[in-house]
N, C-alpha and C. Protein backbone atom coordinates (compact mmCIF):
# COMPACT_ATOMS: atom_id res chain seq x y z
N MET A 1 17.66 -9.55 -1.63
CA MET A 1 18.45 -8.67 -2.48
C MET A 1 17.54 -7.62 -3.11
N THR A 2 17.97 -6.36 -3.07
CA THR A 2 17.19 -5.27 -3.62
C THR A 2 17.74 -4.87 -4.97
N GLU A 3 16.84 -4.64 -5.92
CA GLU A 3 17.26 -4.25 -7.25
C GLU A 3 16.46 -3.04 -7.71
N PRO A 4 17.03 -2.21 -8.59
CA PRO A 4 16.28 -1.07 -9.12
C PRO A 4 15.09 -1.56 -9.92
N PHE A 5 14.02 -0.77 -9.90
CA PHE A 5 12.79 -1.15 -10.58
C PHE A 5 12.18 0.11 -11.17
N GLU A 6 11.89 0.10 -12.46
CA GLU A 6 11.32 1.28 -13.11
C GLU A 6 9.86 1.05 -13.42
N VAL A 7 9.06 2.07 -13.17
CA VAL A 7 7.64 2.04 -13.47
C VAL A 7 7.35 3.10 -14.51
N GLY A 8 6.87 2.70 -15.67
CA GLY A 8 6.57 3.66 -16.72
C GLY A 8 5.42 4.56 -16.32
N THR A 9 5.54 5.85 -16.63
CA THR A 9 4.49 6.81 -16.30
C THR A 9 3.76 7.32 -17.52
N GLY A 10 4.16 6.88 -18.69
CA GLY A 10 3.55 7.37 -19.92
C GLY A 10 4.45 8.35 -20.63
N THR A 11 5.07 9.25 -19.87
CA THR A 11 5.98 10.23 -20.47
C THR A 11 7.42 10.01 -20.03
N SER A 12 7.60 9.34 -18.89
CA SER A 12 8.95 9.06 -18.38
C SER A 12 8.88 7.77 -17.57
N SER A 13 9.61 7.70 -16.48
CA SER A 13 9.54 6.53 -15.62
C SER A 13 9.77 6.95 -14.18
N ALA A 14 9.19 6.16 -13.27
CA ALA A 14 9.37 6.39 -11.84
C ALA A 14 10.32 5.34 -11.30
N GLU A 15 11.23 5.74 -10.43
CA GLU A 15 12.23 4.84 -9.90
C GLU A 15 11.72 4.14 -8.65
N GLY A 16 12.12 2.87 -8.51
CA GLY A 16 11.70 2.11 -7.36
C GLY A 16 12.75 1.13 -6.91
N ASP A 17 12.47 0.48 -5.78
CA ASP A 17 13.36 -0.54 -5.22
C ASP A 17 12.53 -1.79 -4.97
N LEU A 18 12.90 -2.88 -5.62
CA LEU A 18 12.20 -4.16 -5.48
C LEU A 18 13.08 -5.12 -4.71
N THR A 19 12.53 -5.68 -3.65
CA THR A 19 13.23 -6.69 -2.85
C THR A 19 12.40 -7.96 -2.85
N VAL A 20 13.01 -9.08 -3.27
CA VAL A 20 12.29 -10.34 -3.37
C VAL A 20 13.03 -11.41 -2.58
N PRO A 21 12.52 -11.80 -1.42
CA PRO A 21 13.13 -12.91 -0.67
C PRO A 21 13.09 -14.19 -1.51
N ALA A 22 14.02 -15.08 -1.25
CA ALA A 22 14.10 -16.31 -2.04
C ALA A 22 12.84 -17.16 -1.92
N ASP A 23 12.17 -17.09 -0.77
CA ASP A 23 10.98 -17.91 -0.54
C ASP A 23 9.72 -17.07 -0.47
N ALA A 24 9.65 -16.01 -1.28
CA ALA A 24 8.54 -15.05 -1.22
C ALA A 24 7.20 -15.74 -1.46
N VAL A 25 6.20 -15.34 -0.64
CA VAL A 25 4.84 -15.89 -0.76
C VAL A 25 3.86 -14.86 -1.27
N GLY A 26 4.33 -13.64 -1.51
CA GLY A 26 3.48 -12.58 -2.02
C GLY A 26 4.33 -11.34 -2.24
N VAL A 27 3.74 -10.33 -2.85
CA VAL A 27 4.44 -9.07 -3.07
C VAL A 27 3.54 -7.93 -2.61
N VAL A 28 4.14 -6.98 -1.87
CA VAL A 28 3.41 -5.83 -1.36
C VAL A 28 3.97 -4.57 -2.01
N VAL A 29 3.08 -3.80 -2.63
CA VAL A 29 3.46 -2.55 -3.28
C VAL A 29 3.10 -1.40 -2.35
N PHE A 30 4.06 -0.51 -2.12
CA PHE A 30 3.86 0.62 -1.22
C PHE A 30 3.42 1.86 -1.99
N ALA A 31 2.46 2.56 -1.43
CA ALA A 31 2.02 3.85 -1.97
C ALA A 31 2.22 4.88 -0.86
N HIS A 32 3.26 5.69 -0.97
CA HIS A 32 3.58 6.62 0.10
C HIS A 32 2.66 7.83 0.09
N GLY A 33 2.71 8.58 1.17
CA GLY A 33 1.85 9.74 1.31
C GLY A 33 2.41 10.97 0.66
N SER A 34 1.66 12.06 0.73
CA SER A 34 2.05 13.32 0.11
C SER A 34 3.38 13.81 0.68
N GLY A 35 4.28 14.22 -0.21
CA GLY A 35 5.56 14.76 0.20
C GLY A 35 6.58 13.72 0.60
N SER A 36 6.24 12.44 0.50
CA SER A 36 7.17 11.38 0.88
C SER A 36 7.74 10.72 -0.38
N SER A 37 8.53 9.67 -0.20
CA SER A 37 9.15 8.99 -1.33
C SER A 37 9.51 7.57 -0.92
N ARG A 38 10.12 6.85 -1.85
CA ARG A 38 10.53 5.47 -1.53
C ARG A 38 11.61 5.44 -0.46
N ARG A 39 12.22 6.59 -0.17
CA ARG A 39 13.24 6.67 0.87
C ARG A 39 12.65 6.87 2.26
N SER A 40 11.35 6.93 2.38
CA SER A 40 10.70 7.15 3.67
C SER A 40 11.19 6.12 4.68
N PRO A 41 11.78 6.56 5.79
CA PRO A 41 12.27 5.59 6.79
C PRO A 41 11.15 4.76 7.40
N ARG A 42 9.94 5.34 7.47
CA ARG A 42 8.82 4.59 8.04
C ARG A 42 8.41 3.44 7.11
N ASN A 43 8.25 3.74 5.83
CA ASN A 43 7.88 2.68 4.91
C ASN A 43 8.99 1.65 4.75
N GLN A 44 10.24 2.11 4.80
CA GLN A 44 11.35 1.16 4.71
C GLN A 44 11.37 0.23 5.91
N ALA A 45 11.04 0.75 7.08
CA ALA A 45 11.01 -0.09 8.28
C ALA A 45 9.90 -1.13 8.16
N VAL A 46 8.71 -0.71 7.69
CA VAL A 46 7.63 -1.67 7.50
C VAL A 46 8.01 -2.70 6.45
N ALA A 47 8.66 -2.25 5.38
CA ALA A 47 9.06 -3.17 4.32
C ALA A 47 10.01 -4.24 4.84
N ARG A 48 10.94 -3.87 5.71
CA ARG A 48 11.87 -4.87 6.26
C ARG A 48 11.13 -5.92 7.07
N THR A 49 10.14 -5.49 7.84
CA THR A 49 9.34 -6.46 8.59
C THR A 49 8.60 -7.40 7.65
N LEU A 50 8.02 -6.87 6.58
CA LEU A 50 7.31 -7.71 5.62
C LEU A 50 8.26 -8.68 4.94
N GLN A 51 9.46 -8.23 4.63
CA GLN A 51 10.46 -9.13 4.02
C GLN A 51 10.81 -10.27 4.97
N ASP A 52 10.88 -9.96 6.27
CA ASP A 52 11.14 -11.00 7.26
C ASP A 52 10.02 -12.03 7.30
N HIS A 53 8.83 -11.60 6.89
CA HIS A 53 7.68 -12.51 6.81
C HIS A 53 7.52 -13.11 5.42
N ARG A 54 8.54 -13.02 4.61
CA ARG A 54 8.62 -13.65 3.28
C ARG A 54 7.74 -12.96 2.23
N PHE A 55 7.61 -11.66 2.34
CA PHE A 55 6.92 -10.90 1.31
C PHE A 55 7.92 -10.07 0.52
N ALA A 56 7.82 -10.13 -0.80
CA ALA A 56 8.55 -9.20 -1.64
C ALA A 56 7.94 -7.82 -1.45
N THR A 57 8.75 -6.77 -1.61
CA THR A 57 8.24 -5.41 -1.45
C THR A 57 8.71 -4.54 -2.61
N LEU A 58 7.83 -3.65 -3.04
CA LEU A 58 8.19 -2.65 -4.04
C LEU A 58 7.88 -1.28 -3.48
N LEU A 59 8.93 -0.49 -3.30
CA LEU A 59 8.79 0.91 -2.92
C LEU A 59 9.23 1.74 -4.11
N PHE A 60 8.35 2.62 -4.60
CA PHE A 60 8.73 3.46 -5.74
C PHE A 60 8.13 4.84 -5.59
N ASP A 61 8.69 5.77 -6.32
CA ASP A 61 8.24 7.15 -6.25
C ASP A 61 7.02 7.32 -7.15
N LEU A 62 5.89 7.62 -6.55
CA LEU A 62 4.67 7.81 -7.33
C LEU A 62 4.76 9.01 -8.25
N LEU A 63 5.55 10.01 -7.86
CA LEU A 63 5.71 11.22 -8.65
C LEU A 63 7.20 11.47 -8.91
N SER A 64 7.50 12.02 -10.07
CA SER A 64 8.87 12.44 -10.36
C SER A 64 9.16 13.72 -9.60
N ALA A 65 10.42 14.13 -9.60
CA ALA A 65 10.80 15.36 -8.90
C ALA A 65 10.05 16.56 -9.47
N ASP A 66 9.85 16.59 -10.77
CA ASP A 66 9.15 17.71 -11.40
C ASP A 66 7.66 17.72 -11.05
N GLU A 67 7.10 16.55 -10.79
CA GLU A 67 5.67 16.44 -10.51
C GLU A 67 5.33 16.63 -9.03
N ASP A 68 6.33 16.54 -8.18
CA ASP A 68 6.08 16.46 -6.74
C ASP A 68 5.76 17.83 -6.14
N HIS A 69 4.51 18.26 -6.32
CA HIS A 69 4.03 19.48 -5.70
C HIS A 69 2.60 19.24 -5.22
N ASP A 70 2.06 20.17 -4.47
CA ASP A 70 0.80 19.93 -3.77
C ASP A 70 -0.33 19.50 -4.70
N GLU A 71 -0.45 20.11 -5.87
CA GLU A 71 -1.56 19.79 -6.76
C GLU A 71 -1.52 18.33 -7.18
N GLN A 72 -0.34 17.81 -7.49
CA GLN A 72 -0.20 16.43 -7.92
C GLN A 72 -0.29 15.46 -6.75
N ARG A 73 0.20 15.88 -5.59
CA ARG A 73 0.20 14.99 -4.43
C ARG A 73 -1.20 14.56 -4.02
N PHE A 74 -2.18 15.40 -4.31
CA PHE A 74 -3.55 15.09 -3.94
C PHE A 74 -4.40 14.67 -5.15
N ASP A 75 -3.74 14.37 -6.26
CA ASP A 75 -4.44 13.88 -7.45
C ASP A 75 -4.53 12.35 -7.33
N ILE A 76 -5.57 11.89 -6.67
CA ILE A 76 -5.69 10.46 -6.36
C ILE A 76 -5.79 9.64 -7.64
N GLY A 77 -6.46 10.17 -8.65
CA GLY A 77 -6.55 9.44 -9.92
C GLY A 77 -5.19 9.21 -10.54
N LEU A 78 -4.33 10.22 -10.50
CA LEU A 78 -2.97 10.08 -11.04
C LEU A 78 -2.18 9.06 -10.24
N LEU A 79 -2.25 9.15 -8.91
CA LEU A 79 -1.51 8.22 -8.07
C LEU A 79 -2.01 6.79 -8.27
N ARG A 80 -3.33 6.64 -8.42
CA ARG A 80 -3.89 5.31 -8.70
C ARG A 80 -3.35 4.75 -10.00
N ASP A 81 -3.30 5.58 -11.02
CA ASP A 81 -2.81 5.11 -12.31
C ASP A 81 -1.35 4.69 -12.24
N ARG A 82 -0.56 5.38 -11.42
CA ARG A 82 0.84 4.98 -11.25
C ARG A 82 0.92 3.61 -10.57
N LEU A 83 0.07 3.39 -9.60
CA LEU A 83 0.04 2.08 -8.94
C LEU A 83 -0.37 0.98 -9.93
N LEU A 84 -1.34 1.26 -10.77
CA LEU A 84 -1.77 0.27 -11.75
C LEU A 84 -0.65 -0.04 -12.74
N ARG A 85 0.12 0.96 -13.10
CA ARG A 85 1.27 0.71 -13.97
C ARG A 85 2.31 -0.16 -13.27
N ALA A 86 2.48 0.07 -11.96
CA ALA A 86 3.41 -0.77 -11.20
C ALA A 86 2.95 -2.22 -11.19
N LEU A 87 1.65 -2.43 -11.04
CA LEU A 87 1.12 -3.80 -11.08
C LEU A 87 1.39 -4.44 -12.43
N ASP A 88 1.25 -3.67 -13.49
CA ASP A 88 1.54 -4.21 -14.83
C ASP A 88 3.01 -4.59 -14.97
N GLU A 89 3.90 -3.75 -14.42
CA GLU A 89 5.33 -4.05 -14.49
C GLU A 89 5.66 -5.30 -13.68
N LEU A 90 5.04 -5.45 -12.51
CA LEU A 90 5.29 -6.64 -11.70
C LEU A 90 4.80 -7.90 -12.39
N ARG A 91 3.74 -7.79 -13.15
CA ARG A 91 3.21 -8.94 -13.89
C ARG A 91 4.22 -9.44 -14.91
N ARG A 92 5.03 -8.51 -15.43
CA ARG A 92 6.02 -8.89 -16.44
C ARG A 92 7.37 -9.28 -15.83
N HIS A 93 7.55 -9.05 -14.55
CA HIS A 93 8.83 -9.34 -13.91
C HIS A 93 8.90 -10.82 -13.55
N PRO A 94 9.98 -11.50 -13.93
CA PRO A 94 10.03 -12.96 -13.71
C PRO A 94 9.97 -13.39 -12.26
N GLU A 95 10.42 -12.56 -11.33
CA GLU A 95 10.43 -12.96 -9.93
C GLU A 95 9.11 -12.69 -9.21
N THR A 96 8.24 -11.90 -9.80
CA THR A 96 7.00 -11.53 -9.11
C THR A 96 5.75 -11.88 -9.91
N SER A 97 5.91 -12.38 -11.12
CA SER A 97 4.75 -12.58 -12.00
C SER A 97 3.74 -13.57 -11.43
N GLY A 98 4.17 -14.50 -10.57
CA GLY A 98 3.24 -15.48 -10.02
C GLY A 98 2.83 -15.24 -8.59
N LEU A 99 3.21 -14.08 -8.03
CA LEU A 99 2.94 -13.83 -6.61
C LEU A 99 1.63 -13.06 -6.41
N PRO A 100 0.83 -13.45 -5.40
CA PRO A 100 -0.36 -12.66 -5.06
C PRO A 100 0.06 -11.29 -4.53
N VAL A 101 -0.80 -10.30 -4.72
CA VAL A 101 -0.43 -8.90 -4.51
C VAL A 101 -1.22 -8.25 -3.38
N GLY A 102 -0.50 -7.48 -2.56
CA GLY A 102 -1.13 -6.62 -1.57
C GLY A 102 -0.64 -5.20 -1.75
N LEU A 103 -1.38 -4.23 -1.25
CA LEU A 103 -1.00 -2.82 -1.31
C LEU A 103 -0.92 -2.26 0.10
N PHE A 104 0.12 -1.45 0.34
CA PHE A 104 0.30 -0.78 1.63
C PHE A 104 0.34 0.71 1.36
N GLY A 105 -0.66 1.45 1.84
CA GLY A 105 -0.74 2.87 1.57
C GLY A 105 -0.65 3.70 2.82
N ALA A 106 -0.01 4.85 2.72
CA ALA A 106 0.10 5.78 3.84
C ALA A 106 -0.44 7.14 3.40
N SER A 107 -1.18 7.80 4.30
CA SER A 107 -1.72 9.12 4.04
C SER A 107 -2.50 9.14 2.72
N THR A 108 -2.17 10.05 1.80
CA THR A 108 -2.89 10.10 0.52
C THR A 108 -2.65 8.83 -0.30
N GLY A 109 -1.52 8.17 -0.08
CA GLY A 109 -1.23 6.93 -0.80
C GLY A 109 -2.23 5.83 -0.49
N ALA A 110 -2.85 5.89 0.69
CA ALA A 110 -3.87 4.90 1.04
C ALA A 110 -5.09 5.04 0.15
N ALA A 111 -5.47 6.28 -0.17
CA ALA A 111 -6.59 6.50 -1.08
C ALA A 111 -6.27 5.96 -2.47
N ALA A 112 -5.03 6.16 -2.90
CA ALA A 112 -4.61 5.61 -4.20
C ALA A 112 -4.65 4.09 -4.18
N ALA A 113 -4.21 3.49 -3.07
CA ALA A 113 -4.21 2.03 -2.96
C ALA A 113 -5.63 1.47 -3.00
N LEU A 114 -6.55 2.11 -2.29
CA LEU A 114 -7.94 1.65 -2.30
C LEU A 114 -8.56 1.83 -3.67
N SER A 115 -8.22 2.91 -4.35
CA SER A 115 -8.73 3.13 -5.70
C SER A 115 -8.19 2.08 -6.67
N ALA A 116 -6.91 1.73 -6.52
CA ALA A 116 -6.32 0.70 -7.37
C ALA A 116 -6.95 -0.66 -7.09
N ALA A 117 -7.25 -0.94 -5.82
CA ALA A 117 -7.90 -2.20 -5.47
C ALA A 117 -9.28 -2.29 -6.10
N ALA A 118 -10.01 -1.16 -6.12
CA ALA A 118 -11.33 -1.15 -6.74
C ALA A 118 -11.23 -1.37 -8.24
N ALA A 119 -10.16 -0.84 -8.85
CA ALA A 119 -9.99 -0.97 -10.29
C ALA A 119 -9.49 -2.34 -10.71
N ARG A 120 -8.78 -3.03 -9.83
CA ARG A 120 -8.20 -4.34 -10.17
C ARG A 120 -8.60 -5.39 -9.12
N PRO A 121 -9.88 -5.71 -9.00
CA PRO A 121 -10.29 -6.68 -8.00
C PRO A 121 -9.76 -8.09 -8.26
N ASP A 122 -9.36 -8.36 -9.51
CA ASP A 122 -8.82 -9.66 -9.86
C ASP A 122 -7.34 -9.78 -9.52
N VAL A 123 -6.71 -8.68 -9.13
CA VAL A 123 -5.26 -8.67 -8.88
C VAL A 123 -4.93 -8.38 -7.43
N VAL A 124 -5.53 -7.34 -6.87
CA VAL A 124 -5.19 -6.90 -5.51
C VAL A 124 -5.91 -7.76 -4.49
N ARG A 125 -5.13 -8.44 -3.68
CA ARG A 125 -5.66 -9.43 -2.74
C ARG A 125 -5.99 -8.82 -1.37
N ALA A 126 -5.26 -7.77 -0.96
CA ALA A 126 -5.48 -7.16 0.34
C ALA A 126 -4.84 -5.79 0.36
N VAL A 127 -5.37 -4.91 1.22
CA VAL A 127 -4.86 -3.55 1.38
C VAL A 127 -4.66 -3.27 2.86
N VAL A 128 -3.54 -2.60 3.17
CA VAL A 128 -3.31 -2.07 4.52
C VAL A 128 -3.09 -0.57 4.39
N SER A 129 -3.74 0.20 5.26
CA SER A 129 -3.61 1.65 5.28
C SER A 129 -3.00 2.08 6.60
N ARG A 130 -1.94 2.90 6.55
CA ARG A 130 -1.31 3.45 7.75
C ARG A 130 -1.57 4.95 7.82
N GLY A 131 -2.39 5.36 8.79
CA GLY A 131 -2.70 6.78 8.89
C GLY A 131 -3.27 7.31 7.59
N GLY A 132 -4.08 6.52 6.93
CA GLY A 132 -4.49 6.81 5.57
C GLY A 132 -5.66 7.75 5.44
N ARG A 133 -5.69 8.46 4.32
CA ARG A 133 -6.81 9.32 3.98
C ARG A 133 -7.77 8.54 3.09
N ALA A 134 -8.37 7.52 3.68
CA ALA A 134 -9.32 6.69 2.94
C ALA A 134 -10.50 7.51 2.43
N ASP A 135 -10.79 8.60 3.11
CA ASP A 135 -11.91 9.44 2.69
C ASP A 135 -11.71 10.03 1.31
N LEU A 136 -10.47 10.17 0.87
CA LEU A 136 -10.20 10.72 -0.46
C LEU A 136 -10.54 9.73 -1.57
N ALA A 137 -10.85 8.49 -1.19
CA ALA A 137 -11.31 7.49 -2.16
C ALA A 137 -12.77 7.15 -1.91
N ASP A 138 -13.50 8.06 -1.30
CA ASP A 138 -14.85 7.78 -0.83
C ASP A 138 -15.76 7.23 -1.93
N ASP A 139 -15.64 7.76 -3.14
CA ASP A 139 -16.54 7.37 -4.22
C ASP A 139 -16.40 5.90 -4.61
N VAL A 140 -15.21 5.32 -4.42
CA VAL A 140 -14.97 3.94 -4.87
C VAL A 140 -14.92 2.95 -3.72
N LEU A 141 -15.05 3.40 -2.48
CA LEU A 141 -14.96 2.48 -1.35
C LEU A 141 -15.95 1.32 -1.45
N PRO A 142 -17.20 1.54 -1.90
CA PRO A 142 -18.12 0.40 -2.01
C PRO A 142 -17.71 -0.62 -3.06
N GLU A 143 -16.73 -0.27 -3.90
CA GLU A 143 -16.29 -1.18 -4.95
C GLU A 143 -15.05 -1.98 -4.55
N VAL A 144 -14.50 -1.73 -3.37
CA VAL A 144 -13.30 -2.44 -2.90
C VAL A 144 -13.74 -3.78 -2.30
N ARG A 145 -13.40 -4.86 -2.97
CA ARG A 145 -13.85 -6.19 -2.55
C ARG A 145 -12.84 -6.95 -1.71
N CYS A 146 -11.58 -6.54 -1.73
CA CYS A 146 -10.57 -7.28 -0.98
C CYS A 146 -10.57 -6.86 0.49
N PRO A 147 -9.98 -7.67 1.37
CA PRO A 147 -9.89 -7.31 2.79
C PRO A 147 -9.03 -6.05 3.00
N VAL A 148 -9.47 -5.17 3.88
CA VAL A 148 -8.78 -3.90 4.13
C VAL A 148 -8.54 -3.73 5.62
N LEU A 149 -7.29 -3.44 5.98
CA LEU A 149 -6.92 -3.13 7.36
C LEU A 149 -6.59 -1.65 7.44
N LEU A 150 -7.29 -0.93 8.29
CA LEU A 150 -7.07 0.50 8.50
C LEU A 150 -6.40 0.70 9.85
N ILE A 151 -5.18 1.23 9.85
CA ILE A 151 -4.42 1.43 11.09
C ILE A 151 -4.29 2.93 11.33
N VAL A 152 -4.71 3.38 12.50
CA VAL A 152 -4.63 4.80 12.83
C VAL A 152 -4.06 4.97 14.22
N GLY A 153 -3.50 6.15 14.47
CA GLY A 153 -2.96 6.46 15.78
C GLY A 153 -4.04 6.93 16.73
N GLY A 154 -3.92 6.55 17.99
CA GLY A 154 -4.92 6.91 18.97
C GLY A 154 -5.03 8.41 19.21
N GLN A 155 -3.95 9.15 18.93
CA GLN A 155 -3.95 10.60 19.10
C GLN A 155 -4.28 11.35 17.82
N ASP A 156 -4.48 10.61 16.74
CA ASP A 156 -4.76 11.23 15.43
C ASP A 156 -6.28 11.30 15.25
N ASP A 157 -6.91 12.22 15.98
CA ASP A 157 -8.36 12.23 16.10
C ASP A 157 -9.08 12.37 14.76
N THR A 158 -8.65 13.29 13.93
CA THR A 158 -9.35 13.54 12.66
C THR A 158 -9.26 12.33 11.74
N VAL A 159 -8.07 11.78 11.59
CA VAL A 159 -7.90 10.64 10.70
C VAL A 159 -8.61 9.41 11.26
N ARG A 160 -8.62 9.26 12.58
CA ARG A 160 -9.34 8.14 13.17
C ARG A 160 -10.84 8.23 12.85
N ARG A 161 -11.38 9.42 12.95
CA ARG A 161 -12.81 9.62 12.64
C ARG A 161 -13.09 9.34 11.16
N LEU A 162 -12.21 9.82 10.28
CA LEU A 162 -12.40 9.60 8.85
C LEU A 162 -12.30 8.13 8.49
N ASN A 163 -11.38 7.42 9.15
CA ASN A 163 -11.23 5.99 8.86
C ASN A 163 -12.40 5.18 9.38
N LYS A 164 -12.95 5.59 10.52
CA LYS A 164 -14.13 4.88 11.04
C LYS A 164 -15.29 5.01 10.06
N ALA A 165 -15.46 6.20 9.49
CA ALA A 165 -16.52 6.40 8.50
C ALA A 165 -16.24 5.59 7.23
N ALA A 166 -14.97 5.55 6.81
CA ALA A 166 -14.61 4.80 5.60
C ALA A 166 -14.85 3.32 5.80
N ALA A 167 -14.53 2.79 6.98
CA ALA A 167 -14.74 1.38 7.25
C ALA A 167 -16.20 1.00 7.07
N GLY A 168 -17.09 1.92 7.40
CA GLY A 168 -18.51 1.65 7.24
C GLY A 168 -18.97 1.59 5.81
N ARG A 169 -18.16 2.10 4.89
CA ARG A 169 -18.51 2.09 3.47
C ARG A 169 -17.85 0.94 2.71
N LEU A 170 -16.93 0.25 3.36
CA LEU A 170 -16.26 -0.89 2.71
C LEU A 170 -17.15 -2.12 2.82
N PRO A 171 -17.44 -2.80 1.71
CA PRO A 171 -18.41 -3.88 1.74
C PRO A 171 -17.87 -5.23 2.20
N GLY A 172 -16.56 -5.39 2.15
CA GLY A 172 -15.99 -6.69 2.46
C GLY A 172 -15.37 -6.77 3.85
N ASP A 173 -14.42 -7.69 4.00
CA ASP A 173 -13.71 -7.89 5.26
C ASP A 173 -12.86 -6.66 5.54
N ARG A 174 -13.11 -5.99 6.66
CA ARG A 174 -12.32 -4.82 7.00
C ARG A 174 -12.17 -4.76 8.52
N GLU A 175 -11.08 -4.11 8.93
CA GLU A 175 -10.80 -4.00 10.36
C GLU A 175 -10.12 -2.66 10.60
N LEU A 176 -10.51 -2.01 11.68
CA LEU A 176 -9.90 -0.74 12.09
C LEU A 176 -9.09 -1.00 13.36
N VAL A 177 -7.79 -0.74 13.30
CA VAL A 177 -6.90 -0.93 14.44
C VAL A 177 -6.40 0.43 14.89
N VAL A 178 -6.56 0.72 16.16
CA VAL A 178 -6.08 1.97 16.75
C VAL A 178 -4.86 1.67 17.61
N VAL A 179 -3.74 2.33 17.29
CA VAL A 179 -2.51 2.16 18.07
C VAL A 179 -2.53 3.19 19.19
N PRO A 180 -2.68 2.75 20.45
CA PRO A 180 -2.83 3.69 21.57
C PRO A 180 -1.64 4.64 21.68
N GLY A 181 -1.93 5.92 21.89
CA GLY A 181 -0.89 6.91 22.13
C GLY A 181 -0.13 7.37 20.92
N ALA A 182 -0.43 6.83 19.73
CA ALA A 182 0.33 7.18 18.52
C ALA A 182 -0.29 8.36 17.80
N GLY A 183 0.57 9.18 17.21
CA GLY A 183 0.13 10.28 16.38
C GLY A 183 0.06 9.87 14.92
N HIS A 184 -0.06 10.84 14.04
CA HIS A 184 -0.27 10.55 12.62
C HIS A 184 0.92 9.82 11.99
N LEU A 185 2.13 10.15 12.43
CA LEU A 185 3.33 9.56 11.82
C LEU A 185 3.86 8.34 12.59
N PHE A 186 3.21 7.97 13.67
CA PHE A 186 3.61 6.79 14.45
C PHE A 186 5.09 6.88 14.87
N GLU A 187 5.47 8.05 15.34
CA GLU A 187 6.86 8.27 15.74
C GLU A 187 7.13 7.87 17.18
N GLU A 188 6.10 7.59 17.94
CA GLU A 188 6.26 7.22 19.34
C GLU A 188 6.96 5.87 19.47
N PRO A 189 7.70 5.63 20.56
CA PRO A 189 8.42 4.37 20.74
C PRO A 189 7.49 3.16 20.61
N GLY A 190 7.84 2.26 19.73
CA GLY A 190 7.09 1.02 19.55
C GLY A 190 5.88 1.12 18.65
N ALA A 191 5.47 2.34 18.28
CA ALA A 191 4.24 2.50 17.50
C ALA A 191 4.39 1.93 16.09
N LEU A 192 5.49 2.26 15.42
CA LEU A 192 5.66 1.78 14.05
C LEU A 192 5.84 0.26 14.02
N GLU A 193 6.46 -0.28 15.05
CA GLU A 193 6.60 -1.74 15.13
C GLU A 193 5.23 -2.41 15.19
N GLN A 194 4.30 -1.79 15.91
CA GLN A 194 2.94 -2.33 15.97
C GLN A 194 2.28 -2.28 14.59
N VAL A 195 2.51 -1.18 13.87
CA VAL A 195 1.97 -1.07 12.51
C VAL A 195 2.52 -2.18 11.62
N ALA A 196 3.83 -2.37 11.68
CA ALA A 196 4.48 -3.35 10.81
C ALA A 196 3.99 -4.76 11.10
N GLU A 197 3.87 -5.11 12.38
CA GLU A 197 3.42 -6.46 12.73
C GLU A 197 1.96 -6.67 12.36
N ALA A 198 1.14 -5.63 12.54
CA ALA A 198 -0.26 -5.74 12.15
C ALA A 198 -0.39 -5.93 10.64
N ALA A 199 0.41 -5.19 9.88
CA ALA A 199 0.39 -5.32 8.41
C ALA A 199 0.84 -6.72 8.00
N ALA A 200 1.92 -7.20 8.61
CA ALA A 200 2.41 -8.54 8.27
C ALA A 200 1.36 -9.59 8.59
N GLY A 201 0.68 -9.44 9.71
CA GLY A 201 -0.37 -10.40 10.06
C GLY A 201 -1.51 -10.38 9.06
N TRP A 202 -1.89 -9.18 8.62
CA TRP A 202 -2.98 -9.07 7.64
C TRP A 202 -2.61 -9.71 6.30
N PHE A 203 -1.41 -9.41 5.83
CA PHE A 203 -0.98 -9.99 4.56
C PHE A 203 -0.74 -11.49 4.68
N ASN A 204 -0.24 -11.94 5.83
CA ASN A 204 -0.09 -13.38 6.03
C ASN A 204 -1.43 -14.10 5.97
N ARG A 205 -2.47 -13.42 6.44
CA ARG A 205 -3.80 -14.02 6.45
C ARG A 205 -4.43 -14.07 5.06
N HIS A 206 -4.12 -13.07 4.23
CA HIS A 206 -4.90 -12.92 3.00
C HIS A 206 -4.12 -13.10 1.70
N LEU A 207 -2.78 -13.12 1.74
CA LEU A 207 -2.04 -13.25 0.48
C LEU A 207 -1.60 -14.67 0.14
N PRO A 208 -0.94 -15.41 1.02
CA PRO A 208 -0.40 -16.72 0.61
C PRO A 208 -1.48 -17.70 0.20
N ASP A 209 -1.07 -18.64 -0.65
CA ASP A 209 -1.95 -19.74 -1.08
C ASP A 209 -3.23 -19.20 -1.73
N SER A 210 -3.08 -18.16 -2.53
CA SER A 210 -4.24 -17.57 -3.18
C SER A 210 -4.05 -17.58 -4.69
N GLY A 211 -3.97 -18.75 -5.24
CA GLY A 211 -3.68 -18.88 -6.66
C GLY A 211 -4.66 -18.17 -7.56
N ASP A 212 -5.91 -18.02 -7.12
CA ASP A 212 -6.90 -17.36 -7.96
C ASP A 212 -6.55 -15.90 -8.22
N HIS A 213 -5.72 -15.29 -7.32
CA HIS A 213 -5.40 -13.90 -7.48
C HIS A 213 -3.95 -13.70 -7.93
N ALA A 214 -3.25 -14.78 -8.24
CA ALA A 214 -1.88 -14.64 -8.72
C ALA A 214 -1.90 -14.08 -10.13
N PHE A 215 -0.78 -13.43 -10.51
CA PHE A 215 -0.67 -12.93 -11.87
C PHE A 215 -0.67 -14.08 -12.85
N VAL A 216 -1.29 -13.88 -13.97
CA VAL A 216 -1.28 -14.88 -15.06
C VAL A 216 -0.67 -14.21 -16.28
N LEU A 217 0.40 -14.77 -16.79
CA LEU A 217 1.07 -14.21 -17.97
C LEU A 217 0.42 -14.70 -19.25
């Protein structure tokens, strides 16, 4: 069942959609890319796969309608802070307060997810990046201690190169997966399904049965 979820921004609130399966073993927070929103069909498709694997999902708008312009879309510090506020809200929510947490970032949202993981090593258990601009979090990559899965399209040459370099700066468990024939948006037949299954496998490996990283009220 999906319910509305509000994330405080300091001056207003960001709207989101929280879905919690009855037997949830973890919660995955989505950080969408520049110009996207919680309505992104790609992120919604990945979220459905994760829900099938018993993960709660939170998709929310990192920026309000008034904030959603190019300058803010690439403000990784701002996007990171919004993610951290979402983690605080989940800690207070009765259905998610005890669940281990993963982050799923796309494009610029991946940089925000990695920055949030560096800031909250006691909370964020794993990160998955889809076509992510991990290079935009270059300064904090050595501080990311949780396992990180970087997924890129085989035809997305620039992002693949940037992710390979970023993987070399991550100190912990990390893996780079290239989806053959896929472009930046993974619109090719079967490409997004490969992303979703890879993400589910990563979170299944690193989120469940991790009491040390569960929220403590």
